[in-house]
Amino acid sequence: MLDIFRVLGQGEEPEVCSARPLTAEEITRVLGSLWPTRADFERIYEEAYEELDGLIEERGYACYTVLYDEQRHPSEIVFWGVTGD
């Protein structure tokens, strides 16, 4: 990702040019499950992007979360954010 120089862990304060993980509450509220799949994320991205966008602090920030397969095994990490330009 452009403009992202640091990936934060849980509990670290968001800072410019960093990506922070979603909290369990945010994952459940926005993606509908603690084990969201790629299909869940893509549906929200297509139908209600403002929900995901609302998790971004401001320009120059990003979020990330783990996505799972149908057996609830971690399968990938998804990042999204807003450029600092």
PDB file of N, CA and C in Angstrom:
ATOM      1  N   MET A   1       0.839  -1.179   0.000  1.00  0.00           N
ATOM      2  CA  MET A   1       0.000   0.000   0.000  1.00  0.00           C
ATOM      3  C   MET A   1       0.879   1.235   0.000  1.00  0.00           C
ATOM      4  N   LEU A   2       0.499   2.182  -0.781  1.00  0.00           N
ATOM      5  CA  LEU A   2       1.187   3.461  -0.774  1.00  0.00           C
ATOM      6  C   LEU A   2       0.933   4.171   0.544  1.00  0.00           C
ATOM      7  N   ASP A   3       1.881   4.911   1.010  1.00  0.00           N
ATOM      8  CA  ASP A   3       1.758   5.751   2.205  1.00  0.00           C
ATOM      9  C   ASP A   3       1.715   4.987   3.522  1.00  0.00           C
ATOM     10  N   ILE A   4       1.799   3.663   3.526  1.00  0.00           N
ATOM     11  CA  ILE A   4       1.773   2.914   4.776  1.00  0.00           C
ATOM     12  C   ILE A   4       3.174   2.388   5.057  1.00  0.00           C
ATOM     13  N   PHE A   5       3.742   2.874   6.154  1.00  0.00           N
ATOM     14  CA  PHE A   5       5.112   2.527   6.506  1.00  0.00           C
ATOM     15  C   PHE A   5       5.195   1.655   7.757  1.00  0.00           C
ATOM     16  N   ARG A   6       4.057   1.497   8.450  1.00  0.00           N
ATOM     17  CA  ARG A   6       4.078   0.709   9.687  1.00  0.00           C
ATOM     18  C   ARG A   6       2.743  -0.003   9.860  1.00  0.00           C
ATOM     19  N   VAL A   7       2.806  -1.272  10.223  1.00  0.00           N
ATOM     20  CA  VAL A   7       1.617  -2.055  10.542  1.00  0.00           C
ATOM     21  C   VAL A   7       1.564  -2.176  12.059  1.00  0.00           C
ATOM     22  N   LEU A   8       0.495  -1.684  12.647  1.00  0.00           N
ATOM     23  CA  LEU A   8       0.346  -1.674  14.099  1.00  0.00           C
ATOM     24  C   LEU A   8      -0.269  -2.971  14.601  1.00  0.00           C
ATOM     25  N   GLY A   9      -0.024  -3.274  15.864  1.00  0.00           N
ATOM     26  CA  GLY A   9      -0.663  -4.404  16.525  1.00  0.00           C
ATOM     27  C   GLY A   9      -1.848  -3.920  17.338  1.00  0.00           C
ATOM     28  N   GLN A  10      -2.624  -4.849  17.905  1.00  0.00           N
ATOM     29  CA  GLN A  10      -3.768  -4.489  18.743  1.00  0.00           C
ATOM     30  C   GLN A  10      -3.324  -3.575  19.870  1.00  0.00           C
ATOM     31  N   GLY A  11      -4.103  -2.538  20.094  1.00  0.00           N
ATOM     32  CA  GLY A  11      -3.859  -1.638  21.212  1.00  0.00           C
ATOM     33  C   GLY A  11      -2.890  -0.503  20.938  1.00  0.00           C
ATOM     34  N   GLU A  12      -2.160  -0.551  19.828  1.00  0.00           N
ATOM     35  CA  GLU A  12      -1.257   0.548  19.510  1.00  0.00           C
ATOM     36  C   GLU A  12      -2.056   1.727  18.967  1.00  0.00           C
ATOM     37  N   GLU A  13      -1.630   2.918  19.323  1.00  0.00           N
ATOM     38  CA  GLU A  13      -2.309   4.132  18.875  1.00  0.00           C
ATOM     39  C   GLU A  13      -2.122   4.342  17.373  1.00  0.00           C
ATOM     40  N   PRO A  14      -3.219   4.600  16.639  1.00  0.00           N
ATOM     41  CA  PRO A  14      -3.087   4.883  15.209  1.00  0.00           C
ATOM     42  C   PRO A  14      -2.212   6.120  14.997  1.00  0.00           C
ATOM     43  N   GLU A  15      -1.427   6.096  13.941  1.00  0.00           N
ATOM     44  CA  GLU A  15      -0.584   7.234  13.590  1.00  0.00           C
ATOM     45  C   GLU A  15      -0.559   7.364  12.073  1.00  0.00           C
ATOM     46  N   VAL A  16      -0.219   8.545  11.611  1.00  0.00           N
ATOM     47  CA  VAL A  16      -0.174   8.800  10.180  1.00  0.00           C
ATOM     48  C   VAL A  16       0.763   7.794   9.507  1.00  0.00           C
ATOM     49  N   CYS A  17       0.367   7.333   8.337  1.00  0.00           N
ATOM     50  CA  CYS A  17       1.127   6.368   7.524  1.00  0.00           C
ATOM     51  C   CYS A  17       1.238   4.999   8.189  1.00  0.00           C
ATOM     52  N   SER A  18       0.207   4.635   8.974  1.00  0.00           N
ATOM     53  CA  SER A  18       0.194   3.311   9.592  1.00  0.00           C
ATOM     54  C   SER A  18      -1.133   2.619   9.291  1.00  0.00           C
ATOM     55  N   ALA A  19      -1.134   1.304   9.443  1.00  0.00           N
ATOM     56  CA  ALA A  19      -2.342   0.492   9.303  1.00  0.00           C
ATOM     57  C   ALA A  19      -2.615  -0.149  10.655  1.00  0.00           C
ATOM     58  N   ARG A  20      -3.840  -0.029  11.125  1.00  0.00           N
ATOM     59  CA  ARG A  20      -4.202  -0.610  12.417  1.00  0.00           C
ATOM     60  C   ARG A  20      -5.150  -1.781  12.213  1.00  0.00           C
ATOM     61  N   PRO A  21      -5.079  -2.780  13.098  1.00  0.00           N
ATOM     62  CA  PRO A  21      -6.014  -3.899  13.003  1.00  0.00           C
ATOM     63  C   PRO A  21      -7.391  -3.482  13.513  1.00  0.00           C
ATOM     64  N   LEU A  22      -8.431  -4.085  12.960  1.00  0.00           N
ATOM     65  CA  LEU A  22      -9.766  -3.866  13.500  1.00  0.00           C
ATOM     66  C   LEU A  22      -9.888  -4.557  14.848  1.00  0.00           C
ATOM     67  N   THR A  23     -10.708  -4.007  15.710  1.00  0.00           N
ATOM     68  CA  THR A  23     -11.016  -4.679  16.976  1.00  0.00           C
ATOM     69  C   THR A  23     -12.059  -5.760  16.708  1.00  0.00           C
ATOM     70  N   ALA A  24     -12.225  -6.675  17.647  1.00  0.00           N
ATOM     71  CA  ALA A  24     -13.241  -7.722  17.511  1.00  0.00           C
ATOM     72  C   ALA A  24     -14.625  -7.101  17.348  1.00  0.00           C
ATOM     73  N   GLU A  25     -14.901  -6.028  18.087  1.00  0.00           N
ATOM     74  CA  GLU A  25     -16.204  -5.354  17.987  1.00  0.00           C
ATOM     75  C   GLU A  25     -16.403  -4.779  16.593  1.00  0.00           C
ATOM     76  N   GLU A  26     -15.375  -4.141  16.033  1.00  0.00           N
ATOM     77  CA  GLU A  26     -15.485  -3.567  14.686  1.00  0.00           C
ATOM     78  C   GLU A  26     -15.695  -4.656  13.630  1.00  0.00           C
ATOM     79  N   ILE A  27     -14.966  -5.754  13.761  1.00  0.00           N
ATOM     80  CA  ILE A  27     -15.104  -6.861  12.803  1.00  0.00           C
ATOM     81  C   ILE A  27     -16.537  -7.373  12.810  1.00  0.00           C
ATOM     82  N   THR A  28     -17.059  -7.628  13.984  1.00  0.00           N
ATOM     83  CA  THR A  28     -18.417  -8.154  14.098  1.00  0.00           C
ATOM     84  C   THR A  28     -19.453  -7.151  13.604  1.00  0.00           C
ATOM     85  N   ARG A  29     -19.318  -5.886  13.997  1.00  0.00           N
ATOM     86  CA  ARG A  29     -20.295  -4.856  13.620  1.00  0.00           C
ATOM     87  C   ARG A  29     -20.307  -4.609  12.120  1.00  0.00           C
ATOM     88  N   VAL A  30     -19.141  -4.478  11.523  1.00  0.00           N
ATOM     89  CA  VAL A  30     -19.067  -4.097  10.116  1.00  0.00           C
ATOM     90  C   VAL A  30     -19.121  -5.295   9.171  1.00  0.00           C
ATOM     91  N   LEU A  31     -18.464  -6.386   9.538  1.00  0.00           N
ATOM     92  CA  LEU A  31     -18.388  -7.538   8.634  1.00  0.00           C
ATOM     93  C   LEU A  31     -19.337  -8.678   9.017  1.00  0.00           C
ATOM     94  N   GLY A  32     -20.010  -8.555  10.164  1.00  0.00           N
ATOM     95  CA  GLY A  32     -21.060  -9.497  10.516  1.00  0.00           C
ATOM     96  C   GLY A  32     -20.630 -10.774  11.203  1.00  0.00           C
ATOM     97  N   SER A  33     -19.356 -10.958  11.434  1.00  0.00           N
ATOM     98  CA  SER A  33     -18.853 -12.194  12.044  1.00  0.00           C
ATOM     99  C   SER A  33     -17.431 -11.976  12.520  1.00  0.00           C
ATOM    100  N   LEU A  34     -17.029 -12.728  13.527  1.00  0.00           N
ATOM    101  CA  LEU A  34     -15.626 -12.686  13.952  1.00  0.00           C
ATOM    102  C   LEU A  34     -14.714 -13.403  12.971  1.00  0.00           C
ATOM    103  N   TRP A  35     -15.302 -14.163  12.045  1.00  0.00           N
ATOM    104  CA  TRP A  35     -14.547 -14.921  11.050  1.00  0.00           C
ATOM    105  C   TRP A  35     -14.995 -14.529   9.645  1.00  0.00           C
ATOM    106  N   PRO A  36     -14.832 -13.257   9.263  1.00  0.00           N
ATOM    107  CA  PRO A  36     -15.317 -12.845   7.947  1.00  0.00           C
ATOM    108  C   PRO A  36     -14.532 -13.522   6.819  1.00  0.00           C
ATOM    109  N   THR A  37     -15.240 -13.831   5.763  1.00  0.00           N
ATOM    110  CA  THR A  37     -14.621 -14.430   4.581  1.00  0.00           C
ATOM    111  C   THR A  37     -14.344 -13.346   3.550  1.00  0.00           C
ATOM    112  N   ARG A  38     -13.637 -13.719   2.503  1.00  0.00           N
ATOM    113  CA  ARG A  38     -13.415 -12.788   1.399  1.00  0.00           C
ATOM    114  C   ARG A  38     -14.755 -12.336   0.820  1.00  0.00           C
ATOM    115  N   ALA A  39     -15.698 -13.266   0.700  1.00  0.00           N
ATOM    116  CA  ALA A  39     -17.030 -12.924   0.174  1.00  0.00           C
ATOM    117  C   ALA A  39     -17.727 -11.900   1.069  1.00  0.00           C
ATOM    118  N   ASP A  40     -17.613 -12.048   2.387  1.00  0.00           N
ATOM    119  CA  ASP A  40     -18.195 -11.067   3.313  1.00  0.00           C
ATOM    120  C   ASP A  40     -17.586  -9.686   3.069  1.00  0.00           C
ATOM    121  N   PHE A  41     -16.263  -9.645   2.998  1.00  0.00           N
ATOM    122  CA  PHE A  41     -15.583  -8.369   2.806  1.00  0.00           C
ATOM    123  C   PHE A  41     -15.971  -7.742   1.463  1.00  0.00           C
ATOM    124  N   GLU A  42     -15.961  -8.534   0.402  1.00  0.00           N
ATOM    125  CA  GLU A  42     -16.295  -7.997  -0.921  1.00  0.00           C
ATOM    126  C   GLU A  42     -17.735  -7.495  -0.975  1.00  0.00           C
ATOM    127  N   ARG A  43     -18.652  -8.190  -0.303  1.00  0.00           N
ATOM    128  CA  ARG A  43     -20.047  -7.739  -0.265  1.00  0.00           C
ATOM    129  C   ARG A  43     -20.151  -6.381   0.419  1.00  0.00           C
ATOM    130  N   ILE A  44     -19.515  -6.232   1.579  1.00  0.00           N
ATOM    131  CA  ILE A  44     -19.548  -4.947   2.289  1.00  0.00           C
ATOM    132  C   ILE A  44     -18.850  -3.877   1.461  1.00  0.00           C
ATOM    133  N   TYR A  45     -17.731  -4.224   0.842  1.00  0.00           N
ATOM    134  CA  TYR A  45     -16.987  -3.272   0.017  1.00  0.00           C
ATOM    135  C   TYR A  45     -17.856  -2.764  -1.130  1.00  0.00           C
ATOM    136  N   GLU A  46     -18.636  -3.653  -1.741  1.00  0.00           N
ATOM    137  CA  GLU A  46     -19.493  -3.275  -2.870  1.00  0.00           C
ATOM    138  C   GLU A  46     -20.766  -2.557  -2.426  1.00  0.00           C
ATOM    139  N   GLU A  47     -21.400  -3.037  -1.373  1.00  0.00           N
ATOM    140  CA  GLU A  47     -22.721  -2.551  -0.990  1.00  0.00           C
ATOM    141  C   GLU A  47     -22.707  -1.435   0.052  1.00  0.00           C
ATOM    142  N   ALA A  48     -21.708  -1.412   0.899  1.00  0.00           N
ATOM    143  CA  ALA A  48     -21.711  -0.458   2.015  1.00  0.00           C
ATOM    144  C   ALA A  48     -20.297  -0.005   2.344  1.00  0.00           C
ATOM    145  N   TYR A  49     -19.579   0.480   1.334  1.00  0.00           N
ATOM    146  CA  TYR A  49     -18.189   0.869   1.560  1.00  0.00           C
ATOM    147  C   TYR A  49     -18.058   1.913   2.670  1.00  0.00           C
ATOM    148  N   GLU A  50     -19.081   2.743   2.837  1.00  0.00           N
ATOM    149  CA  GLU A  50     -18.994   3.782   3.869  1.00  0.00           C
ATOM    150  C   GLU A  50     -18.801   3.187   5.260  1.00  0.00           C
ATOM    151  N   GLU A  51     -19.265   1.943   5.478  1.00  0.00           N
ATOM    152  CA  GLU A  51     -19.030   1.266   6.758  1.00  0.00           C
ATOM    153  C   GLU A  51     -17.533   1.023   6.965  1.00  0.00           C
ATOM    154  N   LEU A  52     -16.864   0.547   5.930  1.00  0.00           N
ATOM    155  CA  LEU A  52     -15.412   0.322   6.010  1.00  0.00           C
ATOM    156  C   LEU A  52     -14.669   1.645   6.070  1.00  0.00           C
ATOM    157  N   ASP A  53     -15.082   2.585   5.239  1.00  0.00           N
ATOM    158  CA  ASP A  53     -14.433   3.894   5.186  1.00  0.00           C
ATOM    159  C   ASP A  53     -14.542   4.612   6.528  1.00  0.00           C
ATOM    160  N   GLY A  54     -15.646   4.391   7.242  1.00  0.00           N
ATOM    161  CA  GLY A  54     -15.848   5.029   8.538  1.00  0.00           C
ATOM    162  C   GLY A  54     -14.871   4.565   9.611  1.00  0.00           C
ATOM    163  N   LEU A  55     -14.168   3.481   9.357  1.00  0.00           N
ATOM    164  CA  LEU A  55     -13.185   2.973  10.319  1.00  0.00           C
ATOM    165  C   LEU A  55     -11.820   3.631  10.171  1.00  0.00           C
ATOM    166  N   ILE A  56     -11.636   4.379   9.093  1.00  0.00           N
ATOM    167  CA  ILE A  56     -10.362   5.047   8.819  1.00  0.00           C
ATOM    168  C   ILE A  56     -10.306   6.354   9.612  1.00  0.00           C
ATOM    169  N   GLU A  57      -9.214   6.584  10.304  1.00  0.00           N
ATOM    170  CA  GLU A  57      -9.058   7.779  11.133  1.00  0.00           C
ATOM    171  C   GLU A  57      -9.183   9.065  10.313  1.00  0.00           C
ATOM    172  N   GLU A  58      -8.386   9.149   9.273  1.00  0.00           N
ATOM    173  CA  GLU A  58      -8.368  10.296   8.365  1.00  0.00           C
ATOM    174  C   GLU A  58      -7.388   9.980   7.246  1.00  0.00           C
ATOM    175  N   ARG A  59      -7.137  10.934   6.371  1.00  0.00           N
ATOM    176  CA  ARG A  59      -6.209  10.708   5.261  1.00  0.00           C
ATOM    177  C   ARG A  59      -4.852  10.257   5.801  1.00  0.00           C
ATOM    178  N   GLY A  60      -4.245   9.300   5.101  1.00  0.00           N
ATOM    179  CA  GLY A  60      -2.936   8.799   5.513  1.00  0.00           C
ATOM    180  C   GLY A  60      -3.002   7.640   6.498  1.00  0.00           C
ATOM    181  N   TYR A  61      -4.197   7.107   6.728  1.00  0.00           N
ATOM    182  CA  TYR A  61      -4.383   5.989   7.652  1.00  0.00           C
ATOM    183  C   TYR A  61      -4.975   4.805   6.906  1.00  0.00           C
ATOM    184  N   ALA A  62      -4.819   3.606   7.477  1.00  0.00           N
ATOM    185  CA  ALA A  62      -5.384   2.396   6.884  1.00  0.00           C
ATOM    186  C   ALA A  62      -5.806   1.441   8.001  1.00  0.00           C
ATOM    187  N   CYS A  63      -6.613   0.453   7.614  1.00  0.00           N
ATOM    188  CA  CYS A  63      -7.036  -0.616   8.517  1.00  0.00           C
ATOM    189  C   CYS A  63      -6.726  -1.951   7.856  1.00  0.00           C
ATOM    190  N   TYR A  64      -6.696  -2.986   8.674  1.00  0.00           N
ATOM    191  CA  TYR A  64      -6.549  -4.340   8.132  1.00  0.00           C
ATOM    192  C   TYR A  64      -7.261  -5.326   9.032  1.00  0.00           C
ATOM    193  N   THR A  65      -7.579  -6.480   8.459  1.00  0.00           N
ATOM    194  CA  THR A  65      -8.149  -7.576   9.227  1.00  0.00           C
ATOM    195  C   THR A  65      -7.854  -8.893   8.527  1.00  0.00           C
ATOM    196  N   VAL A  66      -7.923  -9.956   9.272  1.00  0.00           N
ATOM    197  CA  VAL A  66      -7.744 -11.301   8.732  1.00  0.00           C
ATOM    198  C   VAL A  66      -9.068 -11.757   8.134  1.00  0.00           C
ATOM    199  N   LEU A  67      -8.992 -12.398   6.973  1.00  0.00           N
ATOM    200  CA  LEU A  67     -10.155 -13.043   6.370  1.00  0.00           C
ATOM    201  C   LEU A  67      -9.966 -14.553   6.480  1.00  0.00           C
ATOM    202  N   TYR A  68     -11.062 -15.270   6.558  1.00  0.00           N
ATOM    203  CA  TYR A  68     -11.044 -16.708   6.820  1.00  0.00           C
ATOM    204  C   TYR A  68     -11.680 -17.482   5.669  1.00  0.00           C
ATOM    205  N   ASP A  69     -11.319 -18.772   5.571  1.00  0.00           N
ATOM    206  CA  ASP A  69     -11.981 -19.634   4.596  1.00  0.00           C
ATOM    207  C   ASP A  69     -13.262 -20.181   5.239  1.00  0.00           C
ATOM    208  N   GLU A  70     -13.963 -21.024   4.525  1.00  0.00           N
ATOM    209  CA  GLU A  70     -15.245 -21.544   5.003  1.00  0.00           C
ATOM    210  C   GLU A  70     -15.111 -22.425   6.249  1.00  0.00           C
ATOM    211  N   GLN A  71     -13.931 -22.941   6.529  1.00  0.00           N
ATOM    212  CA  GLN A  71     -13.703 -23.757   7.725  1.00  0.00           C
ATOM    213  C   GLN A  71     -13.161 -22.922   8.891  1.00  0.00           C
ATOM    214  N   ARG A  72     -13.218 -21.597   8.746  1.00  0.00           N
ATOM    215  CA  ARG A  72     -12.747 -20.643   9.763  1.00  0.00           C
ATOM    216  C   ARG A  72     -11.246 -20.709   9.989  1.00  0.00           C
ATOM    217  N   HIS A  73     -10.504 -21.045   8.953  1.00  0.00           N
ATOM    218  CA  HIS A  73      -9.045 -20.994   9.004  1.00  0.00           C
ATOM    219  C   HIS A  73      -8.601 -19.665   8.405  1.00  0.00           C
ATOM    220  N   PRO A  74      -7.647 -18.983   9.014  1.00  0.00           N
ATOM    221  CA  PRO A  74      -7.141 -17.745   8.423  1.00  0.00           C
ATOM    222  C   PRO A  74      -6.631 -18.017   7.008  1.00  0.00           C
ATOM    223  N   SER A  75      -7.018 -17.175   6.065  1.00  0.00           N
ATOM    224  CA  SER A  75      -6.588 -17.420   4.682  1.00  0.00           C
ATOM    225  C   SER A  75      -5.902 -16.226   4.031  1.00  0.00           C
ATOM    226  N   GLU A  76      -6.177 -15.024   4.507  1.00  0.00           N
ATOM    227  CA  GLU A  76      -5.530 -13.845   3.928  1.00  0.00           C
ATOM    228  C   GLU A  76      -5.744 -12.645   4.834  1.00  0.00           C
ATOM    229  N   ILE A  77      -5.012 -11.588   4.548  1.00  0.00           N
ATOM    230  CA  ILE A  77      -5.164 -10.325   5.264  1.00  0.00           C
ATOM    231  C   ILE A  77      -5.544  -9.276   4.237  1.00  0.00           C
ATOM    232  N   VAL A  78      -6.552  -8.478   4.570  1.00  0.00           N
ATOM    233  CA  VAL A  78      -7.004  -7.426   3.669  1.00  0.00           C
ATOM    234  C   VAL A  78      -6.690  -6.061   4.301  1.00  0.00           C
ATOM    235  N   PHE A  79      -6.166  -5.159   3.483  1.00  0.00           N
ATOM    236  CA  PHE A  79      -5.850  -3.786   3.888  1.00  0.00           C
ATOM    237  C   PHE A  79      -6.695  -2.831   3.065  1.00  0.00           C
ATOM    238  N   TRP A  80      -7.105  -1.709   3.650  1.00  0.00           N
ATOM    239  CA  TRP A  80      -7.735  -0.623   2.912  1.00  0.00           C
ATOM    240  C   TRP A  80      -7.467   0.672   3.646  1.00  0.00           C
ATOM    241  N   GLY A  81      -7.460   1.755   2.923  1.00  0.00           N
ATOM    242  CA  GLY A  81      -7.155   3.028   3.557  1.00  0.00           C
ATOM    243  C   GLY A  81      -7.370   4.198   2.628  1.00  0.00           C
ATOM    244  N   VAL A  82      -6.888   5.349   3.076  1.00  0.00           N
ATOM    245  CA  VAL A  82      -7.016   6.587   2.322  1.00  0.00           C
ATOM    246  C   VAL A  82      -5.620   7.192   2.190  1.00  0.00           C
ATOM    247  N   THR A  83      -5.237   7.480   0.963  1.00  0.00           N
ATOM    248  CA  THR A  83      -3.929   8.056   0.714  1.00  0.00           C
ATOM    249  C   THR A  83      -3.756   9.393   1.447  1.00  0.00           C
ATOM    250  N   GLY A  84      -2.536   9.718   1.753  1.00  0.00           N
ATOM    251  CA  GLY A  84      -2.247  10.986   2.412  1.00  0.00           C
ATOM    252  C   GLY A  84      -2.153  12.152   1.458  1.00  0.00           C
ATOM    253  N   ASP A  85      -2.178  11.880   0.164  1.00  0.00           N
ATOM    254  CA  ASP A  85      -2.098  12.966  -0.841  1.00  0.00           C
ATOM    255  C   ASP A  85      -3.362  13.773  -0.902  1.00  0.00           C
TER     256      ASP A  85
END
